[in-house]
Amino acid sequence: MTLLVLDAPVVAALLDDREMFLCRTATTRGWQLLVSQHVLRHLRRPFTHLVMVAPDRVTVYRYEPVDSALAGPAAQATAWLADRTRRRHDVLGHVVALALCHDATIVTTPERLRALRVVWPDDLKILPLTFSG
């Protein structure tokens, strides 16, 4: 099973019902969409809002609570991003740590993909997503 870690802009698009293509594709291909509690806290939205947008696709989501074991790797990823891009990306650092921990693919925007490629040119699996609607 393919596991995709969703970055904050992707989760925000799903919450606003702007990116259902990703859910449909995940459903047909058997992918799991990992949604982190850290990302949801950043967006100030509970997981239940995501489920209410597409209740028929609730099985495609995998909720990941905040794990203290990821604090160190997330802080390190955030520091590397800040050092190389001159911008602080707390949530993106957490997403990177989560993807590396689960050997998963990150789904993010093309803009954030460029920041990730500066720091990790070959180490991450990344799927850029341009939003529909």
N, C-alpha and C. Protein backbone atom coordinates (compact mmCIF):
# COMPACT_ATOMS: atom_id res chain seq x y z
N MET A 1 0.84 -1.17 0.00
CA MET A 1 0.00 0.00 0.00
C MET A 1 0.89 1.25 0.00
N THR A 2 0.54 2.20 -0.82
CA THR A 2 1.28 3.45 -0.91
C THR A 2 0.76 4.41 0.15
N LEU A 3 1.70 4.99 0.87
CA LEU A 3 1.35 5.96 1.91
C LEU A 3 1.80 7.34 1.46
N LEU A 4 0.87 8.29 1.46
CA LEU A 4 1.16 9.67 1.07
C LEU A 4 0.97 10.57 2.29
N VAL A 5 2.01 11.34 2.64
CA VAL A 5 1.92 12.30 3.74
C VAL A 5 1.50 13.63 3.14
N LEU A 6 0.40 14.17 3.63
CA LEU A 6 -0.15 15.40 3.09
C LEU A 6 0.41 16.62 3.80
N ASP A 7 0.94 17.56 3.02
CA ASP A 7 1.44 18.82 3.54
C ASP A 7 0.25 19.75 3.83
N ALA A 8 0.50 20.80 4.59
CA ALA A 8 -0.56 21.70 5.04
C ALA A 8 -1.41 22.30 3.91
N PRO A 9 -0.80 22.80 2.81
CA PRO A 9 -1.66 23.36 1.75
C PRO A 9 -2.58 22.33 1.11
N VAL A 10 -2.16 21.08 1.06
CA VAL A 10 -2.98 20.02 0.49
C VAL A 10 -4.14 19.70 1.42
N VAL A 11 -3.86 19.61 2.71
CA VAL A 11 -4.93 19.35 3.69
C VAL A 11 -5.92 20.52 3.68
N ALA A 12 -5.42 21.74 3.59
CA ALA A 12 -6.31 22.91 3.54
C ALA A 12 -7.23 22.83 2.32
N ALA A 13 -6.70 22.41 1.19
CA ALA A 13 -7.51 22.28 -0.03
C ALA A 13 -8.57 21.19 0.15
N LEU A 14 -8.20 20.10 0.79
CA LEU A 14 -9.18 19.04 1.05
C LEU A 14 -10.27 19.52 2.00
N LEU A 15 -9.87 20.26 3.02
CA LEU A 15 -10.84 20.80 3.98
C LEU A 15 -11.82 21.76 3.32
N ASP A 16 -11.34 22.48 2.31
CA ASP A 16 -12.19 23.43 1.59
C ASP A 16 -12.90 22.79 0.41
N ASP A 17 -12.79 21.47 0.31
CA ASP A 17 -13.45 20.71 -0.75
C ASP A 17 -12.97 21.13 -2.14
N ARG A 18 -11.66 21.47 -2.24
CA ARG A 18 -11.11 21.89 -3.53
C ARG A 18 -10.28 20.80 -4.20
N GLU A 19 -10.03 19.70 -3.52
CA GLU A 19 -9.13 18.71 -4.10
C GLU A 19 -9.64 17.29 -3.89
N MET A 20 -10.81 17.00 -4.42
CA MET A 20 -11.38 15.67 -4.27
C MET A 20 -10.78 14.67 -5.24
N PHE A 21 -10.12 15.14 -6.30
CA PHE A 21 -9.46 14.24 -7.24
C PHE A 21 -8.45 13.35 -6.52
N LEU A 22 -7.72 13.92 -5.58
CA LEU A 22 -6.73 13.16 -4.81
C LEU A 22 -7.42 12.04 -4.02
N CYS A 23 -8.55 12.33 -3.42
CA CYS A 23 -9.29 11.31 -2.67
C CYS A 23 -9.80 10.20 -3.59
N ARG A 24 -10.35 10.59 -4.72
CA ARG A 24 -10.86 9.59 -5.67
C ARG A 24 -9.73 8.69 -6.17
N THR A 25 -8.60 9.29 -6.52
CA THR A 25 -7.47 8.51 -7.00
C THR A 25 -6.95 7.58 -5.90
N ALA A 26 -6.85 8.10 -4.69
CA ALA A 26 -6.39 7.28 -3.57
C ALA A 26 -7.32 6.10 -3.33
N THR A 27 -8.62 6.35 -3.45
CA THR A 27 -9.60 5.28 -3.25
C THR A 27 -9.45 4.19 -4.30
N THR A 28 -9.33 4.57 -5.56
CA THR A 28 -9.24 3.58 -6.63
C THR A 28 -7.91 2.84 -6.65
N ARG A 29 -6.85 3.50 -6.20
CA ARG A 29 -5.52 2.87 -6.24
C ARG A 29 -5.11 2.22 -4.92
N GLY A 30 -5.93 2.38 -3.90
CA GLY A 30 -5.61 1.78 -2.61
C GLY A 30 -4.55 2.53 -1.83
N TRP A 31 -4.41 3.82 -2.07
CA TRP A 31 -3.44 4.63 -1.34
C TRP A 31 -4.03 5.03 0.01
N GLN A 32 -3.17 5.30 0.96
CA GLN A 32 -3.57 5.88 2.25
C GLN A 32 -3.04 7.29 2.30
N LEU A 33 -3.89 8.23 2.70
CA LEU A 33 -3.51 9.64 2.83
C LEU A 33 -3.30 9.93 4.31
N LEU A 34 -2.04 10.10 4.67
CA LEU A 34 -1.71 10.34 6.08
C LEU A 34 -1.89 11.82 6.40
N VAL A 35 -2.73 12.09 7.37
CA VAL A 35 -3.00 13.45 7.82
C VAL A 35 -2.50 13.58 9.25
N SER A 36 -1.56 14.47 9.44
CA SER A 36 -0.92 14.64 10.74
C SER A 36 -1.71 15.59 11.63
N GLN A 37 -1.79 15.25 12.90
CA GLN A 37 -2.40 16.14 13.88
C GLN A 37 -1.66 17.48 13.94
N HIS A 38 -0.35 17.44 13.72
CA HIS A 38 0.46 18.65 13.71
C HIS A 38 -0.01 19.61 12.60
N VAL A 39 -0.26 19.08 11.43
CA VAL A 39 -0.75 19.90 10.32
C VAL A 39 -2.14 20.44 10.63
N LEU A 40 -3.02 19.60 11.17
CA LEU A 40 -4.37 20.04 11.50
C LEU A 40 -4.35 21.13 12.58
N ARG A 41 -3.45 21.01 13.55
CA ARG A 41 -3.33 22.06 14.57
C ARG A 41 -2.89 23.37 13.93
N HIS A 42 -1.96 23.28 13.00
CA HIS A 42 -1.49 24.47 12.29
C HIS A 42 -2.65 25.16 11.56
N LEU A 43 -3.52 24.35 10.97
CA LEU A 43 -4.67 24.88 10.23
C LEU A 43 -5.85 25.23 11.14
N ARG A 44 -5.72 24.86 12.41
CA ARG A 44 -6.77 25.09 13.41
C ARG A 44 -8.10 24.43 13.02
N ARG A 45 -7.98 23.18 12.56
CA ARG A 45 -9.16 22.42 12.15
C ARG A 45 -9.02 21.00 12.70
N PRO A 46 -10.09 20.42 13.19
CA PRO A 46 -10.03 19.03 13.66
C PRO A 46 -10.15 18.04 12.51
N PHE A 47 -9.74 16.83 12.77
CA PHE A 47 -9.81 15.76 11.77
C PHE A 47 -11.25 15.52 11.33
N THR A 48 -12.19 15.71 12.23
CA THR A 48 -13.60 15.46 11.88
C THR A 48 -14.07 16.36 10.74
N HIS A 49 -13.52 17.57 10.62
CA HIS A 49 -13.88 18.44 9.49
C HIS A 49 -13.48 17.80 8.17
N LEU A 50 -12.33 17.16 8.16
CA LEU A 50 -11.84 16.51 6.94
C LEU A 50 -12.76 15.35 6.57
N VAL A 51 -13.17 14.60 7.56
CA VAL A 51 -14.04 13.45 7.31
C VAL A 51 -15.43 13.91 6.86
N MET A 52 -15.92 15.03 7.38
CA MET A 52 -17.24 15.52 7.00
C MET A 52 -17.28 15.99 5.55
N VAL A 53 -16.16 16.45 5.01
CA VAL A 53 -16.13 16.90 3.62
C VAL A 53 -16.40 15.73 2.67
N ALA A 54 -15.85 14.57 2.97
CA ALA A 54 -16.03 13.39 2.11
C ALA A 54 -16.22 12.14 2.97
N PRO A 55 -17.38 12.00 3.62
CA PRO A 55 -17.59 10.85 4.52
C PRO A 55 -17.49 9.50 3.82
N ASP A 56 -17.79 9.46 2.53
CA ASP A 56 -17.70 8.20 1.79
C ASP A 56 -16.26 7.76 1.55
N ARG A 57 -15.32 8.67 1.79
CA ARG A 57 -13.91 8.33 1.56
C ARG A 57 -13.11 8.31 2.86
N VAL A 58 -13.78 8.15 3.97
CA VAL A 58 -13.10 8.20 5.26
C VAL A 58 -12.02 7.12 5.39
N THR A 59 -12.20 6.00 4.72
CA THR A 59 -11.23 4.91 4.83
C THR A 59 -9.90 5.22 4.14
N VAL A 60 -9.88 6.24 3.29
CA VAL A 60 -8.65 6.59 2.58
C VAL A 60 -7.69 7.36 3.50
N TYR A 61 -8.22 7.97 4.56
CA TYR A 61 -7.39 8.77 5.46
C TYR A 61 -6.79 7.93 6.58
N ARG A 62 -5.59 8.31 6.94
CA ARG A 62 -4.95 7.73 8.12
C ARG A 62 -4.52 8.89 9.00
N TYR A 63 -5.07 8.96 10.18
CA TYR A 63 -4.78 10.05 11.11
C TYR A 63 -3.53 9.71 11.90
N GLU A 64 -2.61 10.64 11.99
CA GLU A 64 -1.35 10.44 12.71
C GLU A 64 -1.28 11.44 13.87
N PRO A 65 -1.45 10.96 15.12
CA PRO A 65 -1.33 11.87 16.26
C PRO A 65 0.11 12.36 16.42
N VAL A 66 0.26 13.46 17.12
CA VAL A 66 1.59 14.01 17.38
C VAL A 66 2.39 12.96 18.16
N ASP A 67 3.59 12.68 17.70
CA ASP A 67 4.45 11.68 18.32
C ASP A 67 5.72 12.37 18.82
N SER A 68 5.98 12.29 20.10
CA SER A 68 7.15 12.96 20.67
C SER A 68 8.46 12.41 20.09
N ALA A 69 8.44 11.18 19.60
CA ALA A 69 9.64 10.60 19.00
C ALA A 69 10.04 11.32 17.72
N LEU A 70 9.09 12.01 17.09
CA LEU A 70 9.39 12.75 15.87
C LEU A 70 9.86 14.18 16.14
N ALA A 71 9.83 14.62 17.38
CA ALA A 71 10.19 16.00 17.71
C ALA A 71 11.62 16.33 17.28
N GLY A 72 12.57 15.45 17.57
CA GLY A 72 13.97 15.69 17.20
C GLY A 72 14.17 15.74 15.69
N PRO A 73 13.73 14.69 14.97
CA PRO A 73 13.87 14.73 13.51
C PRO A 73 13.13 15.90 12.86
N ALA A 74 11.97 16.26 13.39
CA ALA A 74 11.22 17.39 12.84
C ALA A 74 11.97 18.70 13.07
N ALA A 75 12.54 18.86 14.25
CA ALA A 75 13.32 20.07 14.55
C ALA A 75 14.55 20.15 13.65
N GLN A 76 15.19 19.02 13.41
CA GLN A 76 16.36 18.99 12.54
C GLN A 76 15.97 19.33 11.10
N ALA A 77 14.89 18.76 10.61
CA ALA A 77 14.43 19.06 9.25
C ALA A 77 14.05 20.53 9.12
N THR A 78 13.40 21.08 10.13
CA THR A 78 13.02 22.49 10.13
C THR A 78 14.27 23.37 10.10
N ALA A 79 15.27 23.01 10.88
CA ALA A 79 16.52 23.78 10.91
C ALA A 79 17.23 23.73 9.56
N TRP A 80 17.27 22.56 8.94
CA TRP A 80 17.91 22.45 7.62
C TRP A 80 17.17 23.29 6.59
N LEU A 81 15.84 23.24 6.62
CA LEU A 81 15.06 24.06 5.70
C LEU A 81 15.32 25.55 5.91
N ALA A 82 15.34 25.97 7.16
CA ALA A 82 15.57 27.38 7.48
C ALA A 82 16.97 27.81 7.05
N ASP A 83 17.94 26.94 7.26
CA ASP A 83 19.32 27.26 6.90
C ASP A 83 19.50 27.41 5.39
N ARG A 84 18.89 26.53 4.64
CA ARG A 84 19.08 26.52 3.19
C ARG A 84 18.15 27.45 2.43
N THR A 85 16.95 27.71 2.97
CA THR A 85 15.98 28.53 2.25
C THR A 85 15.80 29.91 2.86
N ARG A 86 16.38 30.11 4.04
CA ARG A 86 16.24 31.38 4.78
C ARG A 86 14.79 31.66 5.20
N ARG A 87 13.99 30.62 5.26
CA ARG A 87 12.60 30.73 5.75
C ARG A 87 12.34 29.60 6.72
N ARG A 88 11.54 29.88 7.71
CA ARG A 88 11.20 28.86 8.71
C ARG A 88 9.96 28.11 8.24
N HIS A 89 10.06 26.80 8.19
CA HIS A 89 8.98 25.92 7.74
C HIS A 89 8.71 24.87 8.81
N ASP A 90 8.11 25.25 9.93
CA ASP A 90 7.88 24.29 11.01
C ASP A 90 7.03 23.10 10.58
N VAL A 91 5.92 23.38 9.93
CA VAL A 91 5.01 22.31 9.53
C VAL A 91 5.66 21.43 8.47
N LEU A 92 6.34 22.03 7.52
CA LEU A 92 6.99 21.27 6.47
C LEU A 92 8.11 20.39 7.05
N GLY A 93 8.82 20.89 8.04
CA GLY A 93 9.83 20.07 8.72
C GLY A 93 9.21 18.84 9.37
N HIS A 94 8.05 19.02 9.96
CA HIS A 94 7.34 17.89 10.57
C HIS A 94 6.89 16.90 9.50
N VAL A 95 6.40 17.40 8.39
CA VAL A 95 5.95 16.54 7.28
C VAL A 95 7.12 15.72 6.75
N VAL A 96 8.28 16.34 6.62
CA VAL A 96 9.48 15.63 6.16
C VAL A 96 9.85 14.52 7.13
N ALA A 97 9.87 14.82 8.42
CA ALA A 97 10.21 13.81 9.42
C ALA A 97 9.23 12.64 9.38
N LEU A 98 7.96 12.95 9.22
CA LEU A 98 6.93 11.92 9.15
C LEU A 98 7.12 11.05 7.90
N ALA A 99 7.40 11.67 6.77
CA ALA A 99 7.60 10.91 5.53
C ALA A 99 8.84 10.01 5.63
N LEU A 100 9.92 10.54 6.19
CA LEU A 100 11.13 9.72 6.33
C LEU A 100 10.90 8.57 7.31
N CYS A 101 10.17 8.82 8.37
CA CYS A 101 9.88 7.78 9.37
C CYS A 101 9.06 6.64 8.76
N HIS A 102 8.11 6.97 7.91
CA HIS A 102 7.20 5.97 7.32
C HIS A 102 7.61 5.54 5.91
N ASP A 103 8.73 6.06 5.41
CA ASP A 103 9.15 5.80 4.04
C ASP A 103 8.00 6.09 3.07
N ALA A 104 7.43 7.28 3.21
CA ALA A 104 6.25 7.67 2.46
C ALA A 104 6.57 8.79 1.48
N THR A 105 5.63 9.07 0.62
CA THR A 105 5.73 10.15 -0.36
C THR A 105 5.03 11.39 0.20
N ILE A 106 5.66 12.55 0.03
CA ILE A 106 5.06 13.81 0.46
C ILE A 106 4.24 14.38 -0.69
N VAL A 107 3.02 14.80 -0.40
CA VAL A 107 2.19 15.50 -1.38
C VAL A 107 2.16 16.96 -0.96
N THR A 108 2.65 17.83 -1.83
CA THR A 108 2.76 19.25 -1.51
C THR A 108 2.59 20.09 -2.76
N THR A 109 2.70 21.37 -2.60
CA THR A 109 2.58 22.30 -3.74
C THR A 109 3.91 22.38 -4.49
N PRO A 110 3.88 22.79 -5.74
CA PRO A 110 5.14 22.94 -6.49
C PRO A 110 6.10 23.93 -5.83
N GLU A 111 5.58 24.98 -5.20
CA GLU A 111 6.44 25.96 -4.53
C GLU A 111 7.20 25.33 -3.37
N ARG A 112 6.48 24.57 -2.56
CA ARG A 112 7.12 23.94 -1.40
C ARG A 112 8.03 22.79 -1.84
N LEU A 113 7.71 22.16 -2.97
CA LEU A 113 8.57 21.13 -3.52
C LEU A 113 9.96 21.71 -3.80
N ARG A 114 10.00 22.91 -4.35
CA ARG A 114 11.31 23.54 -4.65
C ARG A 114 12.13 23.72 -3.38
N ALA A 115 11.51 24.13 -2.29
CA ALA A 115 12.24 24.27 -1.02
C ALA A 115 12.76 22.93 -0.54
N LEU A 116 11.96 21.89 -0.69
CA LEU A 116 12.39 20.55 -0.27
C LEU A 116 13.55 20.05 -1.13
N ARG A 117 13.50 20.31 -2.42
CA ARG A 117 14.57 19.84 -3.32
C ARG A 117 15.90 20.55 -3.07
N VAL A 118 15.85 21.77 -2.55
CA VAL A 118 17.09 22.48 -2.20
C VAL A 118 17.82 21.73 -1.09
N VAL A 119 17.07 21.24 -0.13
CA VAL A 119 17.67 20.59 1.04
C VAL A 119 17.88 19.10 0.82
N TRP A 120 16.92 18.44 0.23
CA TRP A 120 16.99 17.00 -0.02
C TRP A 120 16.82 16.74 -1.51
N PRO A 121 17.86 16.90 -2.31
CA PRO A 121 17.70 16.76 -3.76
C PRO A 121 17.25 15.38 -4.21
N ASP A 122 17.64 14.33 -3.51
CA ASP A 122 17.31 12.98 -3.95
C ASP A 122 16.71 12.09 -2.88
N ASP A 123 16.67 12.55 -1.64
CA ASP A 123 16.32 11.68 -0.52
C ASP A 123 14.83 11.53 -0.26
N LEU A 124 14.03 12.40 -0.84
CA LEU A 124 12.60 12.37 -0.55
C LEU A 124 11.80 12.01 -1.79
N LYS A 125 10.71 11.28 -1.56
CA LYS A 125 9.74 11.03 -2.63
C LYS A 125 8.69 12.13 -2.48
N ILE A 126 8.52 12.91 -3.55
CA ILE A 126 7.61 14.06 -3.49
C ILE A 126 6.69 14.05 -4.70
N LEU A 127 5.42 14.28 -4.43
CA LEU A 127 4.41 14.38 -5.48
C LEU A 127 3.87 15.81 -5.45
N PRO A 128 4.21 16.63 -6.46
CA PRO A 128 3.66 17.99 -6.48
C PRO A 128 2.20 17.95 -6.93
N LEU A 129 1.41 18.79 -6.31
CA LEU A 129 -0.02 18.80 -6.61
C LEU A 129 -0.46 20.23 -6.91
N THR A 130 -0.98 20.43 -8.10
CA THR A 130 -1.57 21.71 -8.47
C THR A 130 -3.06 21.56 -8.28
N PHE A 131 -3.64 22.45 -7.51
CA PHE A 131 -5.03 22.29 -7.11
C PHE A 131 -6.01 22.55 -8.24
N SER A 132 -7.04 21.73 -8.28
CA SER A 132 -8.13 21.96 -9.21
C SER A 132 -9.18 22.82 -8.51
N GLY A 133 -9.83 23.64 -9.28
CA GLY A 133 -10.91 24.48 -8.73
C GLY A 133 -10.39 25.36 -7.70
